[in-house]
């Protein structure tokens, strides 16, 4: 499991569209004959053309999205967590991010409105380079969250927008599901057993 991903399923994050999208992806890969055979409970013997199509789809997805964050379960909701994405070369320190917070919310930490500041190196998590990193800022109330979403932060005078971390994490999770489904279809077409890393 990657750092920062909690192995807890939260009912608040149970997005039915995720499962509908996943089902649609599976159905899109089947031919009408395979769909009919599946509905009748018959064993499916994939054609050579179908195998080529499934493998090509998986390889194209790998080229399009080579650095997908993996999840063992659906991430838990963190509604009071904000995120500032930064370029790797910006290389801010915790002190600089704290000072930027204090510029927008004087006494942010002392007053208890900001609970924590945490850095997530997305390039380490995803095993890549050049990807935007994330600063996670946990606040203690929705009023503070709304204020920071409007103002953003400007460490070293460089303006950065803040976004809800849940929105980014759910996007990461959907990409993970998309790739997992494509891998599952490829393994099924090849007659292999799905592995835990899929």
C-alpha atoms as a PDB file:
ATOM      1  CA  UNK A   1       0.000   0.000   0.000  1.00  0.00           C
ATOM      2  CA  UNK A   2       1.241   3.478  -0.815  1.00  0.00           C
ATOM      3  CA  UNK A   3       1.860   6.114   1.878  1.00  0.00           C
ATOM      4  CA  UNK A   4      -1.105   8.338   2.582  1.00  0.00           C
ATOM      5  CA  UNK A   5      -3.701   5.814   1.419  1.00  0.00           C
ATOM      6  CA  UNK A   6      -5.897   4.610   4.246  1.00  0.00           C
ATOM      7  CA  UNK A   7      -7.169   1.035   4.093  1.00  0.00           C
ATOM      8  CA  UNK A   8     -10.625   1.994   5.287  1.00  0.00           C
ATOM      9  CA  UNK A   9     -13.733   2.009   3.144  1.00  0.00           C
ATOM     10  CA  UNK A  10     -15.985   4.933   3.914  1.00  0.00           C
ATOM     11  CA  UNK A  11     -19.686   4.889   3.078  1.00  0.00           C
ATOM     12  CA  UNK A  12     -19.456   8.594   2.357  1.00  0.00           C
ATOM     13  CA  UNK A  13     -17.197   7.867  -0.576  1.00  0.00           C
ATOM     14  CA  UNK A  14     -19.363   5.104  -2.046  1.00  0.00           C
ATOM     15  CA  UNK A  15     -19.868   6.618  -5.475  1.00  0.00           C
ATOM     16  CA  UNK A  16     -22.255   4.425  -7.500  1.00  0.00           C
ATOM     17  CA  UNK A  17     -21.061   6.048 -10.729  1.00  0.00           C
ATOM     18  CA  UNK A  18     -17.653   4.449 -10.170  1.00  0.00           C
ATOM     19  CA  UNK A  19     -19.201   0.979 -10.319  1.00  0.00           C
ATOM     20  CA  UNK A  20     -21.409   1.876 -13.287  1.00  0.00           C
ATOM     21  CA  UNK A  21     -18.349   3.212 -15.145  1.00  0.00           C
ATOM     22  CA  UNK A  22     -16.443   0.044 -14.284  1.00  0.00           C
ATOM     23  CA  UNK A  23     -19.267  -2.110 -15.621  1.00  0.00           C
ATOM     24  CA  UNK A  24     -19.478  -0.036 -18.786  1.00  0.00           C
ATOM     25  CA  UNK A  25     -15.758  -0.502 -19.377  1.00  0.00           C
ATOM     26  CA  UNK A  26     -16.117  -4.266 -19.133  1.00  0.00           C
ATOM     27  CA  UNK A  27     -19.120  -4.354 -21.467  1.00  0.00           C
ATOM     28  CA  UNK A  28     -17.438  -2.096 -24.043  1.00  0.00           C
ATOM     29  CA  UNK A  29     -14.661  -4.666 -24.452  1.00  0.00           C
ATOM     30  CA  UNK A  30     -17.003  -7.571 -25.269  1.00  0.00           C
ATOM     31  CA  UNK A  31     -18.289  -8.522 -28.703  1.00  0.00           C
ATOM     32  CA  UNK A  32     -22.063  -9.134 -29.099  1.00  0.00           C
ATOM     33  CA  UNK A  33     -21.399 -12.881 -29.385  1.00  0.00           C
ATOM     34  CA  UNK A  34     -19.439 -12.881 -26.112  1.00  0.00           C
ATOM     35  CA  UNK A  35     -22.137 -10.882 -24.366  1.00  0.00           C
ATOM     36  CA  UNK A  36     -24.761 -13.402 -25.518  1.00  0.00           C
ATOM     37  CA  UNK A  37     -22.606 -16.364 -24.483  1.00  0.00           C
ATOM     38  CA  UNK A  38     -21.999 -14.800 -21.064  1.00  0.00           C
ATOM     39  CA  UNK A  39     -25.748 -14.202 -20.544  1.00  0.00           C
ATOM     40  CA  UNK A  40     -26.478 -17.860 -21.412  1.00  0.00           C
ATOM     41  CA  UNK A  41     -23.766 -19.079 -19.071  1.00  0.00           C
ATOM     42  CA  UNK A  42     -21.710 -20.626 -21.859  1.00  0.00           C
ATOM     43  CA  UNK A  43     -17.906 -20.724 -21.693  1.00  0.00           C
ATOM     44  CA  UNK A  44     -16.331 -17.997 -23.781  1.00  0.00           C
ATOM     45  CA  UNK A  45     -13.526 -18.894 -26.163  1.00  0.00           C
ATOM     46  CA  UNK A  46     -11.969 -15.604 -27.181  1.00  0.00           C
ATOM     47  CA  UNK A  47     -11.120 -15.112 -30.837  1.00  0.00           C
ATOM     48  CA  UNK A  48      -7.644 -14.113 -31.948  1.00  0.00           C
ATOM     49  CA  UNK A  49      -9.017 -10.729 -33.033  1.00  0.00           C
ATOM     50  CA  UNK A  50     -10.580 -10.210 -29.594  1.00  0.00           C
ATOM     51  CA  UNK A  51      -7.298 -11.116 -27.857  1.00  0.00           C
ATOM     52  CA  UNK A  52      -5.400  -8.628 -30.001  1.00  0.00           C
ATOM     53  CA  UNK A  53      -7.975  -5.932 -29.226  1.00  0.00           C
ATOM     54  CA  UNK A  54      -7.889  -6.505 -25.460  1.00  0.00           C
ATOM     55  CA  UNK A  55      -4.081  -6.549 -25.322  1.00  0.00           C
ATOM     56  CA  UNK A  56      -3.864  -3.439 -27.522  1.00  0.00           C
ATOM     57  CA  UNK A  57      -6.348  -1.642 -25.251  1.00  0.00           C
ATOM     58  CA  UNK A  58      -4.294  -2.482 -22.153  1.00  0.00           C
ATOM     59  CA  UNK A  59      -1.017  -1.432 -23.775  1.00  0.00           C
ATOM     60  CA  UNK A  60      -2.545   1.837 -25.003  1.00  0.00           C
ATOM     61  CA  UNK A  61      -3.798   2.567 -21.491  1.00  0.00           C
ATOM     62  CA  UNK A  62      -0.326   1.898 -20.073  1.00  0.00           C
ATOM     63  CA  UNK A  63       1.181   4.363 -22.566  1.00  0.00           C
ATOM     64  CA  UNK A  64      -1.501   6.971 -21.831  1.00  0.00           C
ATOM     65  CA  UNK A  65      -1.373   6.572 -18.038  1.00  0.00           C
ATOM     66  CA  UNK A  66       1.979   5.019 -17.124  1.00  0.00           C
ATOM     67  CA  UNK A  67       2.050   6.258 -13.521  1.00  0.00           C
ATOM     68  CA  UNK A  68      -1.174   5.234 -11.846  1.00  0.00           C
ATOM     69  CA  UNK A  69      -1.397   5.248  -8.071  1.00  0.00           C
ATOM     70  CA  UNK A  70      -2.492   1.865  -6.740  1.00  0.00           C
ATOM     71  CA  UNK A  71      -5.100   1.285  -4.040  1.00  0.00           C
ATOM     72  CA  UNK A  72      -5.967  -1.828  -2.049  1.00  0.00           C
ATOM     73  CA  UNK A  73      -9.400  -0.385  -1.114  1.00  0.00           C
ATOM     74  CA  UNK A  74     -11.467   2.683  -1.912  1.00  0.00           C
ATOM     75  CA  UNK A  75      -9.878   5.658  -0.083  1.00  0.00           C
ATOM     76  CA  UNK A  76     -11.666   7.054   2.953  1.00  0.00           C
ATOM     77  CA  UNK A  77     -13.221  10.510   2.756  1.00  0.00           C
ATOM     78  CA  UNK A  78     -11.286  13.390   4.333  1.00  0.00           C
ATOM     79  CA  UNK A  79     -13.595  16.382   3.830  1.00  0.00           C
ATOM     80  CA  UNK A  80     -11.434  18.757   5.890  1.00  0.00           C
ATOM     81  CA  UNK A  81      -8.223  18.038   3.998  1.00  0.00           C
ATOM     82  CA  UNK A  82      -7.043  20.503   1.340  1.00  0.00           C
ATOM     83  CA  UNK A  83      -4.300  19.999  -1.210  1.00  0.00           C
ATOM     84  CA  UNK A  84      -1.784  22.295  -2.868  1.00  0.00           C
ATOM     85  CA  UNK A  85      -0.120  20.717  -5.903  1.00  0.00           C
ATOM     86  CA  UNK A  86       3.415  21.903  -6.665  1.00  0.00           C
ATOM     87  CA  UNK A  87       6.015  21.274  -9.348  1.00  0.00           C
ATOM     88  CA  UNK A  88       8.960  19.121  -8.218  1.00  0.00           C
ATOM     89  CA  UNK A  89      11.413  21.960  -8.881  1.00  0.00           C
ATOM     90  CA  UNK A  90       9.542  24.315  -6.515  1.00  0.00           C
ATOM     91  CA  UNK A  91      10.773  22.268  -3.555  1.00  0.00           C
ATOM     92  CA  UNK A  92       9.016  24.211  -0.782  1.00  0.00           C
ATOM     93  CA  UNK A  93       9.759  23.521   2.875  1.00  0.00           C
ATOM     94  CA  UNK A  94       7.221  22.953   5.646  1.00  0.00           C
ATOM     95  CA  UNK A  95       8.205  26.327   7.112  1.00  0.00           C
ATOM     96  CA  UNK A  96       7.492  28.125   3.816  1.00  0.00           C
ATOM     97  CA  UNK A  97       4.072  26.487   3.534  1.00  0.00           C
ATOM     98  CA  UNK A  98       3.319  27.368   7.181  1.00  0.00           C
ATOM     99  CA  UNK A  99       4.352  30.987   6.576  1.00  0.00           C
ATOM    100  CA  UNK A 100       2.062  31.143   3.534  1.00  0.00           C
ATOM    101  CA  UNK A 101      -0.775  29.784   5.679  1.00  0.00           C
ATOM    102  CA  UNK A 102      -0.069  32.325   8.410  1.00  0.00           C
ATOM    103  CA  UNK A 103      -0.199  35.095   5.800  1.00  0.00           C
ATOM    104  CA  UNK A 104      -3.790  34.089   4.985  1.00  0.00           C
ATOM    105  CA  UNK A 105      -4.808  32.964   8.487  1.00  0.00           C
ATOM    106  CA  UNK A 106      -2.730  34.658  11.203  1.00  0.00           C
ATOM    107  CA  UNK A 107      -2.220  32.236  14.086  1.00  0.00           C
ATOM    108  CA  UNK A 108      -3.548  29.339  11.994  1.00  0.00           C
ATOM    109  CA  UNK A 109      -1.762  26.617  13.953  1.00  0.00           C
ATOM    110  CA  UNK A 110      -1.947  28.246  17.406  1.00  0.00           C
ATOM    111  CA  UNK A 111      -5.671  28.886  17.050  1.00  0.00           C
ATOM    112  CA  UNK A 112      -6.258  25.266  16.079  1.00  0.00           C
ATOM    113  CA  UNK A 113      -7.833  26.097  12.719  1.00  0.00           C
ATOM    114  CA  UNK A 114      -5.078  24.199  10.901  1.00  0.00           C
ATOM    115  CA  UNK A 115      -4.449  20.728  12.300  1.00  0.00           C
ATOM    116  CA  UNK A 116      -1.478  19.563  10.225  1.00  0.00           C
ATOM    117  CA  UNK A 117       0.684  20.124   7.136  1.00  0.00           C
ATOM    118  CA  UNK A 118       1.993  17.059   5.329  1.00  0.00           C
ATOM    119  CA  UNK A 119       4.052  16.614   2.167  1.00  0.00           C
ATOM    120  CA  UNK A 120       3.289  13.802  -0.318  1.00  0.00           C
ATOM    121  CA  UNK A 121       6.008  13.035  -2.830  1.00  0.00           C
ATOM    122  CA  UNK A 122       3.870  11.721  -5.701  1.00  0.00           C
ATOM    123  CA  UNK A 123       6.928  10.734  -7.724  1.00  0.00           C
ATOM    124  CA  UNK A 124       8.023   8.334  -4.980  1.00  0.00           C
ATOM    125  CA  UNK A 125       4.482   7.001  -4.480  1.00  0.00           C
ATOM    126  CA  UNK A 126       3.951   6.368  -8.208  1.00  0.00           C
ATOM    127  CA  UNK A 127       7.548   5.493  -9.119  1.00  0.00           C
ATOM    128  CA  UNK A 128       7.872   8.229 -11.716  1.00  0.00           C
ATOM    129  CA  UNK A 129       9.452  11.644 -12.265  1.00  0.00           C
ATOM    130  CA  UNK A 130       8.141  15.076 -13.144  1.00  0.00           C
ATOM    131  CA  UNK A 131       4.729  14.581 -11.545  1.00  0.00           C
ATOM    132  CA  UNK A 132       3.245  17.309  -9.350  1.00  0.00           C
ATOM    133  CA  UNK A 133       3.739  16.765  -5.633  1.00  0.00           C
ATOM    134  CA  UNK A 134       1.083  17.457  -3.013  1.00  0.00           C
ATOM    135  CA  UNK A 135       0.966  19.405   0.209  1.00  0.00           C
ATOM    136  CA  UNK A 136      -1.916  18.194   2.376  1.00  0.00           C
ATOM    137  CA  UNK A 137      -3.358  20.741   4.786  1.00  0.00           C
ATOM    138  CA  UNK A 138      -5.830  19.407   7.360  1.00  0.00           C
ATOM    139  CA  UNK A 139      -8.137  22.052   8.817  1.00  0.00           C
ATOM    140  CA  UNK A 140     -10.609  21.696  11.688  1.00  0.00           C
ATOM    141  CA  UNK A 141     -13.757  23.369  10.340  1.00  0.00           C
ATOM    142  CA  UNK A 142     -15.574  24.032   7.082  1.00  0.00           C
ATOM    143  CA  UNK A 143     -15.370  27.816   7.449  1.00  0.00           C
ATOM    144  CA  UNK A 144     -11.559  27.650   7.416  1.00  0.00           C
ATOM    145  CA  UNK A 145     -11.703  25.226   4.492  1.00  0.00           C
ATOM    146  CA  UNK A 146     -13.925  27.593   2.476  1.00  0.00           C
ATOM    147  CA  UNK A 147     -11.698  30.572   3.209  1.00  0.00           C
ATOM    148  CA  UNK A 148      -8.533  28.757   2.081  1.00  0.00           C
ATOM    149  CA  UNK A 149     -10.238  27.373  -1.031  1.00  0.00           C
ATOM    150  CA  UNK A 150     -11.040  30.968  -2.010  1.00  0.00           C
ATOM    151  CA  UNK A 151      -7.674  32.500  -1.129  1.00  0.00           C
ATOM    152  CA  UNK A 152      -5.160  29.790  -2.035  1.00  0.00           C
ATOM    153  CA  UNK A 153      -1.571  30.044  -0.765  1.00  0.00           C
ATOM    154  CA  UNK A 154       1.485  31.915  -2.014  1.00  0.00           C
ATOM    155  CA  UNK A 155       4.695  30.364  -0.682  1.00  0.00           C
ATOM    156  CA  UNK A 156       7.688  32.479  -1.827  1.00  0.00           C
ATOM    157  CA  UNK A 157       5.102  34.789  -3.396  1.00  0.00           C
ATOM    158  CA  UNK A 158       4.082  32.108  -5.929  1.00  0.00           C
ATOM    159  CA  UNK A 159       0.295  31.812  -6.062  1.00  0.00           C
ATOM    160  CA  UNK A 160      -1.113  28.286  -5.758  1.00  0.00           C
ATOM    161  CA  UNK A 161      -4.738  27.232  -5.745  1.00  0.00           C
ATOM    162  CA  UNK A 162      -5.980  24.868  -3.046  1.00  0.00           C
ATOM    163  CA  UNK A 163      -8.382  22.048  -3.916  1.00  0.00           C
ATOM    164  CA  UNK A 164     -10.230  19.407  -1.920  1.00  0.00           C
ATOM    165  CA  UNK A 165      -7.961  16.401  -1.461  1.00  0.00           C
ATOM    166  CA  UNK A 166     -10.965  14.061  -1.779  1.00  0.00           C
ATOM    167  CA  UNK A 167     -11.511  15.242  -5.372  1.00  0.00           C
ATOM    168  CA  UNK A 168      -7.918  14.441  -6.364  1.00  0.00           C
ATOM    169  CA  UNK A 169      -7.895  11.110  -4.545  1.00  0.00           C
ATOM    170  CA  UNK A 170     -11.174   9.999  -6.114  1.00  0.00           C
ATOM    171  CA  UNK A 171      -9.747  10.859  -9.547  1.00  0.00           C
ATOM    172  CA  UNK A 172      -6.662   8.753  -8.742  1.00  0.00           C
ATOM    173  CA  UNK A 173      -8.884   5.889  -7.595  1.00  0.00           C
ATOM    174  CA  UNK A 174     -10.967   5.934 -10.778  1.00  0.00           C
ATOM    175  CA  UNK A 175      -7.811   5.739 -12.899  1.00  0.00           C
ATOM    176  CA  UNK A 176      -6.689   2.791 -10.775  1.00  0.00           C
ATOM    177  CA  UNK A 177     -10.047   1.059 -11.369  1.00  0.00           C
ATOM    178  CA  UNK A 178      -9.844   1.746 -15.095  1.00  0.00           C
ATOM    179  CA  UNK A 179      -6.408   0.167 -15.371  1.00  0.00           C
ATOM    180  CA  UNK A 180      -7.359  -2.762 -13.105  1.00  0.00           C
ATOM    181  CA  UNK A 181     -10.383  -3.546 -15.259  1.00  0.00           C
ATOM    182  CA  UNK A 182      -8.322  -3.441 -18.441  1.00  0.00           C
ATOM    183  CA  UNK A 183      -5.755  -5.769 -16.859  1.00  0.00           C
ATOM    184  CA  UNK A 184      -8.476  -8.133 -15.653  1.00  0.00           C
ATOM    185  CA  UNK A 185      -9.969  -8.340 -19.142  1.00  0.00           C
ATOM    186  CA  UNK A 186      -6.542  -9.030 -20.653  1.00  0.00           C
ATOM    187  CA  UNK A 187      -5.788 -11.811 -18.148  1.00  0.00           C
ATOM    188  CA  UNK A 188      -9.214 -13.369 -18.666  1.00  0.00           C
ATOM    189  CA  UNK A 189      -8.734 -13.287 -22.435  1.00  0.00           C
ATOM    190  CA  UNK A 190      -5.365 -14.995 -22.068  1.00  0.00           C
ATOM    191  CA  UNK A 191      -6.812 -17.587 -19.685  1.00  0.00           C
ATOM    192  CA  UNK A 192      -4.542 -16.474 -16.845  1.00  0.00           C
ATOM    193  CA  UNK A 193      -5.491 -16.079 -13.204  1.00  0.00           C
ATOM    194  CA  UNK A 194      -5.721 -12.434 -12.027  1.00  0.00           C
ATOM    195  CA  UNK A 195      -2.944 -11.577  -9.600  1.00  0.00           C
ATOM    196  CA  UNK A 196      -3.105  -9.396  -6.502  1.00  0.00           C
ATOM    197  CA  UNK A 197      -1.122  -6.632  -8.183  1.00  0.00           C
ATOM    198  CA  UNK A 198      -3.817  -6.020 -10.792  1.00  0.00           C
END
